[in-house]
N, C-alpha and C. Protein backbone atom coordinates (compact mmCIF):
# COMPACT_ATOMS: atom_id res chain seq x y z
N VAL A 1 0.85 -1.18 0.00
CA VAL A 1 0.00 0.00 0.00
C VAL A 1 0.89 1.23 0.00
N ARG A 2 0.66 2.10 -0.95
CA ARG A 2 1.48 3.31 -1.06
C ARG A 2 0.94 4.39 -0.13
N ARG A 3 1.80 4.96 0.67
CA ARG A 3 1.40 5.99 1.62
C ARG A 3 1.76 7.37 1.08
N ARG A 4 0.99 8.35 1.50
CA ARG A 4 1.29 9.74 1.18
C ARG A 4 1.60 10.48 2.48
N VAL A 5 2.48 11.48 2.38
CA VAL A 5 2.82 12.30 3.53
C VAL A 5 1.68 13.28 3.78
N GLY A 6 0.91 13.04 4.83
CA GLY A 6 -0.22 13.90 5.14
C GLY A 6 0.19 15.19 5.81
N PHE A 7 -0.82 16.02 6.10
CA PHE A 7 -0.54 17.34 6.70
C PHE A 7 0.12 17.19 8.07
N GLY A 8 -0.39 16.28 8.91
CA GLY A 8 0.15 16.12 10.25
C GLY A 8 1.59 15.68 10.25
N LEU A 9 1.91 14.66 9.44
CA LEU A 9 3.29 14.18 9.35
C LEU A 9 4.18 15.24 8.74
N GLY A 10 3.67 15.94 7.72
CA GLY A 10 4.47 17.00 7.08
C GLY A 10 4.82 18.10 8.06
N LEU A 11 3.84 18.49 8.91
CA LEU A 11 4.11 19.51 9.91
C LEU A 11 5.13 19.01 10.93
N GLY A 12 5.00 17.74 11.32
CA GLY A 12 5.96 17.17 12.26
C GLY A 12 7.37 17.14 11.68
N LEU A 13 7.48 16.79 10.40
CA LEU A 13 8.79 16.77 9.73
C LEU A 13 9.39 18.17 9.67
N LEU A 14 8.55 19.18 9.50
CA LEU A 14 9.06 20.54 9.42
C LEU A 14 9.56 21.03 10.77
N LEU A 15 8.82 20.74 11.84
CA LEU A 15 9.15 21.28 13.16
C LEU A 15 10.11 20.39 13.95
N LEU A 16 9.94 19.08 13.87
CA LEU A 16 10.78 18.14 14.61
C LEU A 16 11.25 17.03 13.68
N PRO A 17 12.07 17.38 12.70
CA PRO A 17 12.45 16.38 11.69
C PRO A 17 13.21 15.19 12.26
N PHE A 18 14.02 15.42 13.31
CA PHE A 18 14.82 14.32 13.86
C PHE A 18 13.96 13.27 14.56
N LEU A 19 12.69 13.60 14.85
CA LEU A 19 11.78 12.63 15.43
C LEU A 19 10.87 12.01 14.38
N PHE A 20 10.26 12.87 13.56
CA PHE A 20 9.21 12.38 12.67
C PHE A 20 9.75 11.73 11.40
N CYS A 21 11.04 11.96 11.05
CA CYS A 21 11.56 11.35 9.83
C CYS A 21 11.57 9.83 9.92
N TRP A 22 11.63 9.30 11.16
CA TRP A 22 11.68 7.85 11.31
C TRP A 22 10.38 7.18 10.87
N TRP A 23 9.29 7.93 10.91
CA TRP A 23 8.02 7.34 10.47
C TRP A 23 8.03 7.05 8.97
N LEU A 24 8.92 7.71 8.24
CA LEU A 24 9.00 7.47 6.80
C LEU A 24 9.57 6.11 6.47
N LEU A 25 10.15 5.43 7.47
CA LEU A 25 10.69 4.09 7.23
C LEU A 25 9.60 3.02 7.19
N ARG A 26 8.38 3.40 7.55
CA ARG A 26 7.29 2.43 7.46
C ARG A 26 7.01 2.09 6.00
N PRO A 27 6.57 0.88 5.72
CA PRO A 27 6.30 0.48 4.33
C PRO A 27 5.30 1.41 3.67
N GLY A 28 5.56 1.71 2.40
CA GLY A 28 4.61 2.48 1.61
C GLY A 28 5.09 3.86 1.21
N TYR A 29 6.04 4.45 1.97
CA TYR A 29 6.52 5.78 1.63
C TYR A 29 7.58 5.69 0.52
N SER A 30 7.56 6.64 -0.37
CA SER A 30 8.47 6.62 -1.51
C SER A 30 9.90 6.95 -1.09
N THR A 31 10.84 6.58 -1.97
CA THR A 31 12.25 6.91 -1.72
C THR A 31 12.44 8.42 -1.69
N LEU A 32 11.69 9.14 -2.54
CA LEU A 32 11.79 10.60 -2.57
C LEU A 32 11.37 11.19 -1.23
N ALA A 33 10.25 10.71 -0.68
CA ALA A 33 9.76 11.23 0.60
C ALA A 33 10.79 10.96 1.70
N ARG A 34 11.38 9.76 1.69
CA ARG A 34 12.38 9.44 2.71
C ARG A 34 13.63 10.30 2.54
N GLY A 35 14.03 10.49 1.29
CA GLY A 35 15.22 11.29 1.04
C GLY A 35 15.04 12.72 1.50
N VAL A 36 13.88 13.32 1.20
CA VAL A 36 13.61 14.69 1.62
C VAL A 36 13.53 14.78 3.14
N GLY A 37 12.85 13.81 3.77
CA GLY A 37 12.68 13.84 5.22
C GLY A 37 14.00 13.72 5.96
N PHE A 38 14.80 12.71 5.59
CA PHE A 38 16.06 12.51 6.30
C PHE A 38 17.09 13.57 5.91
N GLY A 39 17.00 14.05 4.67
CA GLY A 39 17.91 15.13 4.27
C GLY A 39 17.66 16.40 5.07
N TRP A 40 16.37 16.72 5.28
CA TRP A 40 16.02 17.89 6.07
C TRP A 40 16.47 17.72 7.52
N ALA A 41 16.31 16.51 8.07
CA ALA A 41 16.75 16.27 9.44
C ALA A 41 18.26 16.45 9.57
N ALA A 42 19.02 15.93 8.59
CA ALA A 42 20.48 16.08 8.63
C ALA A 42 20.88 17.54 8.51
N LEU A 43 20.17 18.29 7.65
CA LEU A 43 20.50 19.70 7.45
C LEU A 43 20.26 20.51 8.72
N THR A 44 19.19 20.20 9.45
CA THR A 44 18.92 20.94 10.68
C THR A 44 20.01 20.72 11.72
N ILE A 45 20.58 19.50 11.74
CA ILE A 45 21.67 19.23 12.69
C ILE A 45 22.90 20.06 12.34
N VAL A 46 23.25 20.07 11.04
CA VAL A 46 24.42 20.83 10.60
C VAL A 46 24.24 22.32 10.88
N LEU A 47 23.05 22.85 10.56
CA LEU A 47 22.79 24.26 10.79
C LEU A 47 22.80 24.59 12.28
N SER A 48 22.33 23.66 13.10
CA SER A 48 22.32 23.89 14.54
C SER A 48 23.74 24.06 15.06
N VAL A 49 24.64 23.20 14.61
CA VAL A 49 26.03 23.29 15.06
C VAL A 49 26.67 24.58 14.59
N MET A 50 26.42 24.95 13.32
CA MET A 50 27.00 26.18 12.77
C MET A 50 26.46 27.41 13.48
N ASN A 51 25.15 27.44 13.72
CA ASN A 51 24.53 28.62 14.33
C ASN A 51 24.90 28.80 15.78
N HIS A 52 25.34 27.72 16.43
CA HIS A 52 25.70 27.83 17.83
C HIS A 52 27.18 28.07 18.02
N ASN A 53 27.85 28.51 16.92
CA ASN A 53 29.25 28.93 17.03
C ASN A 53 30.14 27.85 17.58
N LEU A 54 30.06 26.66 16.98
CA LEU A 54 30.89 25.57 17.48
C LEU A 54 31.84 25.03 16.41
N PRO A 55 32.47 25.92 15.59
CA PRO A 55 33.49 25.40 14.69
C PRO A 55 34.76 25.11 15.47
N ALA A 56 35.59 24.26 14.91
CA ALA A 56 36.85 23.96 15.60
C ALA A 56 37.70 25.21 15.67
N SER A 57 38.30 25.47 16.79
CA SER A 57 39.15 26.64 16.96
C SER A 57 40.58 26.20 17.17
N PRO A 58 41.54 27.08 16.84
CA PRO A 58 42.94 26.71 17.03
C PRO A 58 43.21 26.38 18.49
N SER A 59 43.95 25.32 18.70
CA SER A 59 44.20 24.86 20.07
C SER A 59 45.33 25.66 20.69
N VAL A 60 45.10 26.09 21.93
CA VAL A 60 46.17 26.75 22.68
C VAL A 60 47.04 25.66 23.30
N ALA A 61 48.35 25.83 23.22
CA ALA A 61 49.25 24.79 23.72
C ALA A 61 48.93 24.44 25.15
N SER A 62 48.78 23.12 25.38
CA SER A 62 48.41 22.69 26.73
C SER A 62 49.13 21.42 27.13
N SER A 63 50.25 21.14 26.55
CA SER A 63 51.01 19.95 26.91
C SER A 63 51.66 20.16 28.27
N ALA A 64 52.16 19.05 28.83
CA ALA A 64 52.71 19.12 30.18
C ALA A 64 53.86 20.09 30.28
N GLY A 65 54.61 20.26 29.19
CA GLY A 65 55.78 21.12 29.26
C GLY A 65 55.48 22.57 28.99
N SER A 66 54.25 22.93 28.62
CA SER A 66 53.93 24.31 28.28
C SER A 66 53.33 25.01 29.48
N SER A 67 53.37 26.35 29.46
CA SER A 67 52.82 27.13 30.57
C SER A 67 51.31 27.19 30.47
N ARG A 68 50.64 27.40 31.60
CA ARG A 68 49.21 27.50 31.64
C ARG A 68 48.77 28.84 31.05
N PRO A 69 47.54 28.91 30.48
CA PRO A 69 47.03 30.20 29.99
C PRO A 69 47.01 31.23 31.10
N MET A 70 47.27 32.49 30.72
CA MET A 70 47.36 33.55 31.71
C MET A 70 46.13 34.44 31.74
N THR A 71 45.18 34.25 30.83
CA THR A 71 43.96 35.05 30.81
C THR A 71 42.75 34.12 30.73
N ALA A 72 41.58 34.68 31.11
CA ALA A 72 40.35 33.90 31.02
C ALA A 72 40.06 33.52 29.58
N GLN A 73 40.34 34.43 28.64
CA GLN A 73 40.08 34.13 27.23
C GLN A 73 40.97 32.99 26.74
N ALA A 74 42.24 33.01 27.14
CA ALA A 74 43.15 31.94 26.73
C ALA A 74 42.72 30.60 27.33
N GLU A 75 42.25 30.61 28.57
CA GLU A 75 41.78 29.38 29.19
C GLU A 75 40.52 28.87 28.48
N PHE A 76 39.65 29.79 28.09
CA PHE A 76 38.45 29.38 27.36
C PHE A 76 38.85 28.78 26.00
N ASP A 77 39.79 29.42 25.31
CA ASP A 77 40.22 28.90 24.01
C ASP A 77 40.78 27.48 24.15
N ARG A 78 41.53 27.24 25.21
CA ARG A 78 42.10 25.91 25.43
C ARG A 78 41.01 24.85 25.58
N VAL A 79 40.04 25.13 26.45
CA VAL A 79 38.99 24.15 26.71
C VAL A 79 38.03 24.05 25.53
N HIS A 80 37.72 25.17 24.91
CA HIS A 80 36.77 25.16 23.79
C HIS A 80 37.31 24.35 22.61
N ALA A 81 38.62 24.43 22.39
CA ALA A 81 39.21 23.63 21.32
C ALA A 81 39.00 22.14 21.59
N HIS A 82 39.18 21.74 22.83
CA HIS A 82 38.96 20.34 23.21
C HIS A 82 37.49 19.98 23.07
N PHE A 83 36.60 20.89 23.47
CA PHE A 83 35.16 20.67 23.39
C PHE A 83 34.73 20.41 21.94
N THR A 84 35.12 21.30 21.03
CA THR A 84 34.70 21.15 19.63
C THR A 84 35.34 19.94 18.97
N ASP A 85 36.61 19.70 19.27
CA ASP A 85 37.27 18.53 18.71
C ASP A 85 36.62 17.23 19.17
N SER A 86 36.02 17.27 20.36
CA SER A 86 35.39 16.07 20.92
C SER A 86 34.02 15.79 20.31
N ILE A 87 33.20 16.84 20.15
CA ILE A 87 31.81 16.60 19.75
C ILE A 87 31.59 16.57 18.24
N LEU A 88 32.44 17.23 17.47
CA LEU A 88 32.16 17.32 16.03
C LEU A 88 32.17 15.96 15.32
N PRO A 89 33.10 15.03 15.63
CA PRO A 89 33.00 13.71 14.99
C PRO A 89 31.68 13.02 15.30
N CYS A 90 31.18 13.17 16.52
CA CYS A 90 29.89 12.58 16.89
C CYS A 90 28.76 13.23 16.11
N GLU A 91 28.78 14.58 15.99
CA GLU A 91 27.74 15.28 15.25
C GLU A 91 27.75 14.88 13.77
N LYS A 92 28.95 14.79 13.19
CA LYS A 92 29.05 14.40 11.79
C LYS A 92 28.60 12.95 11.59
N GLY A 93 28.99 12.09 12.53
CA GLY A 93 28.58 10.70 12.44
C GLY A 93 27.07 10.55 12.54
N TRP A 94 26.45 11.33 13.42
CA TRP A 94 24.99 11.31 13.56
C TRP A 94 24.32 11.75 12.27
N ALA A 95 24.85 12.83 11.65
CA ALA A 95 24.27 13.33 10.41
C ALA A 95 24.40 12.30 9.28
N ARG A 96 25.57 11.65 9.19
CA ARG A 96 25.76 10.62 8.16
C ARG A 96 24.83 9.44 8.41
N MET A 97 24.65 9.09 9.67
CA MET A 97 23.75 7.99 10.01
C MET A 97 22.33 8.31 9.58
N GLU A 98 21.88 9.53 9.85
CA GLU A 98 20.52 9.92 9.47
C GLU A 98 20.34 9.88 7.96
N ALA A 99 21.36 10.36 7.22
CA ALA A 99 21.27 10.34 5.77
C ALA A 99 21.19 8.91 5.24
N SER A 100 21.90 8.01 5.89
CA SER A 100 21.91 6.62 5.41
C SER A 100 20.58 5.91 5.67
N MET A 101 19.76 6.45 6.58
CA MET A 101 18.51 5.79 6.93
C MET A 101 17.48 5.83 5.80
N GLN A 102 17.70 6.71 4.81
CA GLN A 102 16.75 6.80 3.71
C GLN A 102 16.90 5.62 2.74
N THR A 103 17.96 4.88 2.84
CA THR A 103 18.16 3.73 1.97
C THR A 103 17.47 2.52 2.55
N ARG A 104 17.26 1.52 1.71
CA ARG A 104 16.66 0.27 2.17
C ARG A 104 17.72 -0.75 2.60
N ASP A 105 18.98 -0.36 2.49
CA ASP A 105 20.08 -1.26 2.83
C ASP A 105 20.33 -1.16 4.33
N GLU A 106 19.77 -2.09 5.10
CA GLU A 106 19.90 -2.03 6.55
C GLU A 106 21.33 -2.27 7.01
N GLN A 107 22.10 -3.05 6.24
CA GLN A 107 23.49 -3.29 6.63
C GLN A 107 24.31 -2.02 6.54
N THR A 108 24.06 -1.22 5.50
CA THR A 108 24.77 0.06 5.38
C THR A 108 24.39 0.99 6.52
N ALA A 109 23.09 1.05 6.81
CA ALA A 109 22.63 1.90 7.91
C ALA A 109 23.25 1.45 9.23
N LEU A 110 23.30 0.15 9.44
CA LEU A 110 23.88 -0.39 10.66
C LEU A 110 25.36 -0.04 10.78
N ALA A 111 26.07 -0.04 9.65
CA ALA A 111 27.49 0.32 9.66
C ALA A 111 27.69 1.77 10.11
N TYR A 112 26.84 2.67 9.58
CA TYR A 112 26.94 4.08 9.98
C TYR A 112 26.55 4.27 11.44
N ILE A 113 25.58 3.50 11.89
CA ILE A 113 25.19 3.57 13.31
C ILE A 113 26.36 3.17 14.19
N SER A 114 27.08 2.13 13.81
CA SER A 114 28.22 1.66 14.59
C SER A 114 29.33 2.70 14.65
N ILE A 115 29.58 3.35 13.51
CA ILE A 115 30.62 4.39 13.47
C ILE A 115 30.23 5.55 14.37
N ALA A 116 28.97 6.01 14.24
CA ALA A 116 28.50 7.12 15.07
C ALA A 116 28.53 6.75 16.55
N LEU A 117 28.21 5.49 16.87
CA LEU A 117 28.23 5.03 18.26
C LEU A 117 29.63 5.18 18.85
N ASP A 118 30.64 4.75 18.11
CA ASP A 118 32.02 4.88 18.60
C ASP A 118 32.40 6.34 18.80
N ASP A 119 32.04 7.20 17.83
CA ASP A 119 32.40 8.63 17.91
C ASP A 119 31.72 9.29 19.10
N CYS A 120 30.47 8.93 19.38
CA CYS A 120 29.76 9.57 20.49
C CYS A 120 30.23 9.05 21.84
N LYS A 121 30.65 7.79 21.90
CA LYS A 121 31.27 7.29 23.13
C LYS A 121 32.55 8.07 23.43
N ILE A 122 33.35 8.30 22.40
CA ILE A 122 34.60 9.05 22.58
C ILE A 122 34.29 10.47 23.02
N ALA A 123 33.26 11.10 22.41
CA ALA A 123 32.89 12.47 22.77
C ALA A 123 32.56 12.56 24.26
N ALA A 124 31.75 11.63 24.75
CA ALA A 124 31.37 11.65 26.17
C ALA A 124 32.60 11.47 27.06
N ALA A 125 33.49 10.55 26.68
CA ALA A 125 34.69 10.30 27.49
C ALA A 125 35.61 11.52 27.50
N GLU A 126 35.79 12.15 26.33
CA GLU A 126 36.68 13.30 26.24
C GLU A 126 36.13 14.50 27.02
N LEU A 127 34.81 14.70 26.99
CA LEU A 127 34.23 15.82 27.72
C LEU A 127 34.38 15.63 29.23
N ASN A 128 34.49 14.40 29.66
CA ASN A 128 34.72 14.13 31.09
C ASN A 128 36.16 14.44 31.51
N LYS A 129 37.05 14.57 30.53
CA LYS A 129 38.46 14.77 30.84
C LYS A 129 38.86 16.24 30.99
N VAL A 130 38.08 17.14 30.38
CA VAL A 130 38.50 18.54 30.31
C VAL A 130 37.62 19.41 31.20
N HIS A 131 38.26 20.37 31.90
CA HIS A 131 37.54 21.31 32.74
C HIS A 131 38.27 22.65 32.75
N PHE A 132 37.53 23.68 33.08
CA PHE A 132 38.12 25.01 33.17
C PHE A 132 38.86 25.17 34.49
N ASP A 133 40.03 25.81 34.41
CA ASP A 133 40.86 26.09 35.58
C ASP A 133 41.08 27.59 35.67
N PRO A 134 41.67 28.08 36.76
CA PRO A 134 42.08 29.48 36.78
C PRO A 134 43.03 29.71 35.60
N PRO A 135 43.04 30.89 35.00
CA PRO A 135 42.48 32.16 35.46
C PRO A 135 41.01 32.42 35.11
N MET A 136 40.24 31.45 34.66
CA MET A 136 38.81 31.66 34.50
C MET A 136 38.22 31.98 35.88
N PRO A 137 37.51 33.09 36.03
CA PRO A 137 36.97 33.46 37.34
C PRO A 137 36.11 32.35 37.93
N ARG A 138 36.11 32.24 39.25
CA ARG A 138 35.47 31.10 39.91
C ARG A 138 33.98 30.95 39.58
N PRO A 139 33.16 32.00 39.64
CA PRO A 139 31.72 31.80 39.33
C PRO A 139 31.50 31.26 37.92
N ALA A 140 32.20 31.85 36.94
CA ALA A 140 32.06 31.39 35.56
C ALA A 140 32.65 30.00 35.40
N ARG A 141 33.76 29.75 36.08
CA ARG A 141 34.40 28.43 36.00
C ARG A 141 33.47 27.34 36.50
N LYS A 142 32.78 27.60 37.61
CA LYS A 142 31.85 26.62 38.17
C LYS A 142 30.70 26.35 37.21
N THR A 143 30.15 27.42 36.62
CA THR A 143 29.02 27.26 35.70
C THR A 143 29.43 26.51 34.43
N LEU A 144 30.56 26.91 33.84
CA LEU A 144 30.99 26.28 32.60
C LEU A 144 31.41 24.83 32.82
N ASN A 145 32.00 24.53 33.96
CA ASN A 145 32.34 23.13 34.24
C ASN A 145 31.08 22.28 34.40
N ALA A 146 30.03 22.86 34.98
CA ALA A 146 28.75 22.15 35.07
C ALA A 146 28.18 21.90 33.67
N ASP A 147 28.36 22.88 32.77
CA ASP A 147 27.90 22.71 31.39
C ASP A 147 28.64 21.55 30.71
N LEU A 148 29.96 21.48 30.93
CA LEU A 148 30.74 20.39 30.33
C LEU A 148 30.29 19.03 30.87
N ASP A 149 30.03 18.98 32.17
CA ASP A 149 29.55 17.72 32.76
C ASP A 149 28.20 17.31 32.17
N ALA A 150 27.32 18.30 31.98
CA ALA A 150 26.00 18.01 31.41
C ALA A 150 26.14 17.52 29.97
N CYS A 151 27.03 18.14 29.20
CA CYS A 151 27.22 17.71 27.81
C CYS A 151 27.82 16.30 27.76
N ALA A 152 28.71 15.99 28.69
CA ALA A 152 29.26 14.63 28.73
C ALA A 152 28.15 13.61 28.95
N ARG A 153 27.23 13.92 29.87
CA ARG A 153 26.10 13.01 30.10
C ARG A 153 25.19 12.93 28.87
N ASP A 154 24.98 14.06 28.22
CA ASP A 154 24.06 14.08 27.07
C ASP A 154 24.64 13.32 25.87
N TYR A 155 25.95 13.45 25.65
CA TYR A 155 26.55 12.67 24.56
C TYR A 155 26.66 11.20 24.94
N GLY A 156 26.75 10.91 26.22
CA GLY A 156 26.66 9.52 26.65
C GLY A 156 25.28 8.95 26.37
N ALA A 157 24.25 9.79 26.58
CA ALA A 157 22.88 9.36 26.27
C ALA A 157 22.70 9.15 24.77
N ARG A 158 23.37 9.97 23.96
CA ARG A 158 23.28 9.78 22.50
C ARG A 158 23.93 8.45 22.12
N ALA A 159 25.04 8.11 22.77
CA ALA A 159 25.68 6.83 22.49
C ALA A 159 24.74 5.68 22.87
N ALA A 160 24.02 5.82 23.99
CA ALA A 160 23.07 4.79 24.39
C ALA A 160 21.93 4.67 23.37
N THR A 161 21.52 5.80 22.80
CA THR A 161 20.50 5.79 21.75
C THR A 161 20.97 5.01 20.53
N LEU A 162 22.20 5.27 20.13
CA LEU A 162 22.76 4.58 18.97
C LEU A 162 22.90 3.08 19.24
N LYS A 163 23.20 2.74 20.48
CA LYS A 163 23.28 1.31 20.85
C LYS A 163 21.91 0.65 20.70
N GLN A 164 20.85 1.36 21.10
CA GLN A 164 19.50 0.83 20.94
C GLN A 164 19.13 0.70 19.47
N MET A 165 19.54 1.68 18.67
CA MET A 165 19.28 1.61 17.23
C MET A 165 19.99 0.42 16.61
N ALA A 166 21.23 0.18 17.05
CA ALA A 166 21.98 -0.95 16.51
C ALA A 166 21.26 -2.26 16.83
N ALA A 167 20.68 -2.35 18.03
CA ALA A 167 19.95 -3.57 18.41
C ALA A 167 18.74 -3.77 17.51
N VAL A 168 18.01 -2.68 17.23
CA VAL A 168 16.82 -2.79 16.38
C VAL A 168 17.21 -3.18 14.96
N PHE A 169 18.25 -2.55 14.43
CA PHE A 169 18.65 -2.84 13.05
C PHE A 169 19.38 -4.17 12.93
N SER A 170 19.77 -4.72 14.06
CA SER A 170 20.40 -6.05 14.03
C SER A 170 19.36 -7.17 14.13
N GLY A 171 18.09 -6.80 14.29
CA GLY A 171 17.06 -7.83 14.27
C GLY A 171 16.02 -7.78 15.36
N ASP A 172 16.17 -6.86 16.31
CA ASP A 172 15.19 -6.77 17.39
C ASP A 172 13.97 -5.99 16.89
N ARG A 173 12.99 -6.69 16.34
CA ARG A 173 11.83 -6.04 15.72
C ARG A 173 10.63 -5.94 16.66
N ARG A 174 10.81 -6.16 17.94
CA ARG A 174 9.70 -6.04 18.86
C ARG A 174 9.17 -4.60 18.85
N PRO A 175 7.85 -4.42 18.82
CA PRO A 175 7.29 -3.06 18.82
C PRO A 175 7.80 -2.22 19.98
N GLY A 176 7.96 -2.85 21.15
CA GLY A 176 8.46 -2.11 22.30
C GLY A 176 9.86 -1.58 22.09
N ALA A 177 10.70 -2.36 21.44
CA ALA A 177 12.08 -1.94 21.17
C ALA A 177 12.10 -0.77 20.19
N GLN A 178 11.23 -0.81 19.18
CA GLN A 178 11.19 0.26 18.20
C GLN A 178 10.63 1.54 18.81
N ARG A 179 9.60 1.42 19.66
CA ARG A 179 9.07 2.61 20.32
C ARG A 179 10.12 3.23 21.24
N LYS A 180 10.86 2.39 21.95
CA LYS A 180 11.92 2.88 22.82
C LYS A 180 12.98 3.62 22.01
N MET A 181 13.32 3.08 20.83
CA MET A 181 14.31 3.71 19.97
C MET A 181 13.86 5.10 19.55
N LEU A 182 12.59 5.23 19.10
CA LEU A 182 12.08 6.52 18.65
C LEU A 182 12.08 7.54 19.78
N SER A 183 11.69 7.10 20.98
CA SER A 183 11.68 8.00 22.12
C SER A 183 13.09 8.45 22.48
N MET A 184 14.04 7.53 22.45
CA MET A 184 15.41 7.88 22.79
C MET A 184 16.02 8.83 21.77
N ILE A 185 15.68 8.64 20.49
CA ILE A 185 16.20 9.53 19.44
C ILE A 185 15.75 10.96 19.70
N SER A 186 14.46 11.14 19.96
CA SER A 186 13.92 12.48 20.21
C SER A 186 14.56 13.13 21.42
N GLN A 187 14.66 12.40 22.52
CA GLN A 187 15.21 12.97 23.74
C GLN A 187 16.70 13.26 23.60
N SER A 188 17.42 12.37 22.95
CA SER A 188 18.86 12.55 22.81
C SER A 188 19.19 13.78 21.99
N GLN A 189 18.51 13.96 20.86
CA GLN A 189 18.77 15.11 20.01
C GLN A 189 18.45 16.40 20.74
N ALA A 190 17.33 16.43 21.46
CA ALA A 190 16.96 17.64 22.20
C ALA A 190 17.99 17.96 23.28
N ARG A 191 18.50 16.93 23.94
CA ARG A 191 19.46 17.14 25.03
C ARG A 191 20.79 17.70 24.53
N THR A 192 21.31 17.17 23.43
CA THR A 192 22.60 17.66 22.95
C THR A 192 22.48 19.09 22.42
N ILE A 193 21.38 19.41 21.76
CA ILE A 193 21.18 20.78 21.28
C ILE A 193 21.08 21.73 22.47
N ARG A 194 20.35 21.32 23.51
CA ARG A 194 20.19 22.17 24.69
C ARG A 194 21.52 22.38 25.40
N CYS A 195 22.33 21.35 25.51
CA CYS A 195 23.61 21.51 26.22
C CYS A 195 24.54 22.45 25.45
N GLN A 196 24.51 22.38 24.11
CA GLN A 196 25.33 23.29 23.31
C GLN A 196 24.88 24.74 23.49
N LYS A 197 23.56 24.96 23.46
CA LYS A 197 23.04 26.32 23.63
C LYS A 197 23.40 26.88 25.00
N THR A 198 23.27 26.07 26.03
CA THR A 198 23.57 26.52 27.38
C THR A 198 25.05 26.85 27.53
N TYR A 199 25.90 26.00 26.99
CA TYR A 199 27.35 26.23 27.04
C TYR A 199 27.71 27.55 26.36
N VAL A 200 27.17 27.79 25.18
CA VAL A 200 27.47 29.02 24.44
C VAL A 200 26.96 30.25 25.20
N ALA A 201 25.74 30.17 25.72
CA ALA A 201 25.17 31.30 26.46
C ALA A 201 25.98 31.61 27.71
N ASP A 202 26.40 30.59 28.43
CA ASP A 202 27.17 30.80 29.66
C ASP A 202 28.58 31.33 29.35
N ALA A 203 29.14 30.90 28.23
CA ALA A 203 30.45 31.42 27.84
C ALA A 203 30.37 32.92 27.54
N ARG A 204 29.34 33.32 26.82
CA ARG A 204 29.18 34.75 26.53
C ARG A 204 28.89 35.54 27.81
N ALA A 205 28.11 34.95 28.71
CA ALA A 205 27.84 35.63 29.98
C ALA A 205 29.11 35.81 30.80
N ALA A 206 30.09 34.91 30.60
CA ALA A 206 31.37 35.01 31.31
C ALA A 206 32.28 36.07 30.70
N GLY A 207 31.88 36.64 29.56
CA GLY A 207 32.65 37.70 28.94
C GLY A 207 33.73 37.25 27.99
N VAL A 208 33.71 35.98 27.58
CA VAL A 208 34.71 35.50 26.63
C VAL A 208 34.09 35.43 25.23
N GLU A 209 34.97 35.41 24.23
CA GLU A 209 34.53 35.36 22.85
C GLU A 209 34.65 33.95 22.30
N LEU A 210 33.64 33.56 21.49
CA LEU A 210 33.73 32.31 20.76
C LEU A 210 34.35 32.58 19.39
N PRO A 211 34.87 31.55 18.72
CA PRO A 211 35.47 31.77 17.40
C PRO A 211 34.53 32.48 16.43
N GLY A 212 33.25 32.14 16.47
CA GLY A 212 32.29 32.80 15.57
C GLY A 212 32.15 34.28 15.86
N ASP A 213 32.29 34.67 17.14
CA ASP A 213 32.20 36.09 17.51
C ASP A 213 33.36 36.87 16.90
N ARG A 214 34.54 36.29 16.94
CA ARG A 214 35.72 36.97 16.38
C ARG A 214 35.60 37.12 14.88
N LEU A 215 35.04 36.08 14.23
CA LEU A 215 34.87 36.14 12.78
C LEU A 215 33.93 37.27 12.41
N GLU A 216 32.84 37.42 13.17
CA GLU A 216 31.90 38.50 12.89
C GLU A 216 32.54 39.86 13.08
N LYS A 217 33.39 39.98 14.10
CA LYS A 217 34.06 41.26 14.33
C LYS A 217 35.01 41.59 13.19
N ARG A 218 35.73 40.57 12.68
CA ARG A 218 36.65 40.81 11.57
C ARG A 218 35.88 41.21 10.31
N LYS A 219 34.72 40.58 10.10
CA LYS A 219 33.91 40.95 8.93
C LYS A 219 33.41 42.37 9.06
N ALA A 220 32.97 42.74 10.27
CA ALA A 220 32.47 44.08 10.49
C ALA A 220 33.57 45.13 10.29
N ALA A 221 34.78 44.79 10.78
CA ALA A 221 35.91 45.70 10.62
C ALA A 221 36.29 45.87 9.15
N SER A 222 36.24 44.77 8.41
CA SER A 222 36.57 44.83 6.98
C SER A 222 35.53 45.66 6.22
N ALA A 223 34.26 45.46 6.61
CA ALA A 223 33.19 46.19 5.94
C ALA A 223 33.26 47.69 6.23
N GLY A 224 33.75 48.00 7.45
CA GLY A 224 33.85 49.42 7.83
C GLY A 224 35.03 50.09 7.17
């Protein structure tokens, strides 16, 4: 039976694509509908990362033999470089996994799920390793370290989501397992986006600049 994307599903795909795109995997939806749905979901993830000023930034030397940063901005640059280097492979792996879901080749989708699972496990572990130290002022340091801890938990939850997806795509077709997977996908995506937004907002409240802020200033200076 051929299905059509109705108004309700279309609205859901527009507003919450990372949740509703999975319904397109049910029998009857066309390859075009699946491609548009999962493509839109992947695009929203990429745009979310870009809009939240999380490009990789140059790393400030932090080896055992080097001196510690002497300013709050230098300390932020050191930690932020580690933060972005940790989460971007997971974000890219998640986007590739979502794009692969539009195909009917479950083995290919499972392979991308496995890759993303490894990347997100590493992201959670790496975020647990890095924290802000002086000269970041104590109130801001406490808040930003709490943000890092929250993001570590949220990327750990994303890894757990991918593990559940791997179980389903490996043959666990129980309705309960599939419903659990859909619920975990929605919650995981919301949590990682929220932790990124909170981290960026708290960094700006601490008076430090993100790489995207500096780029905007350089563009403004050039335009002037």
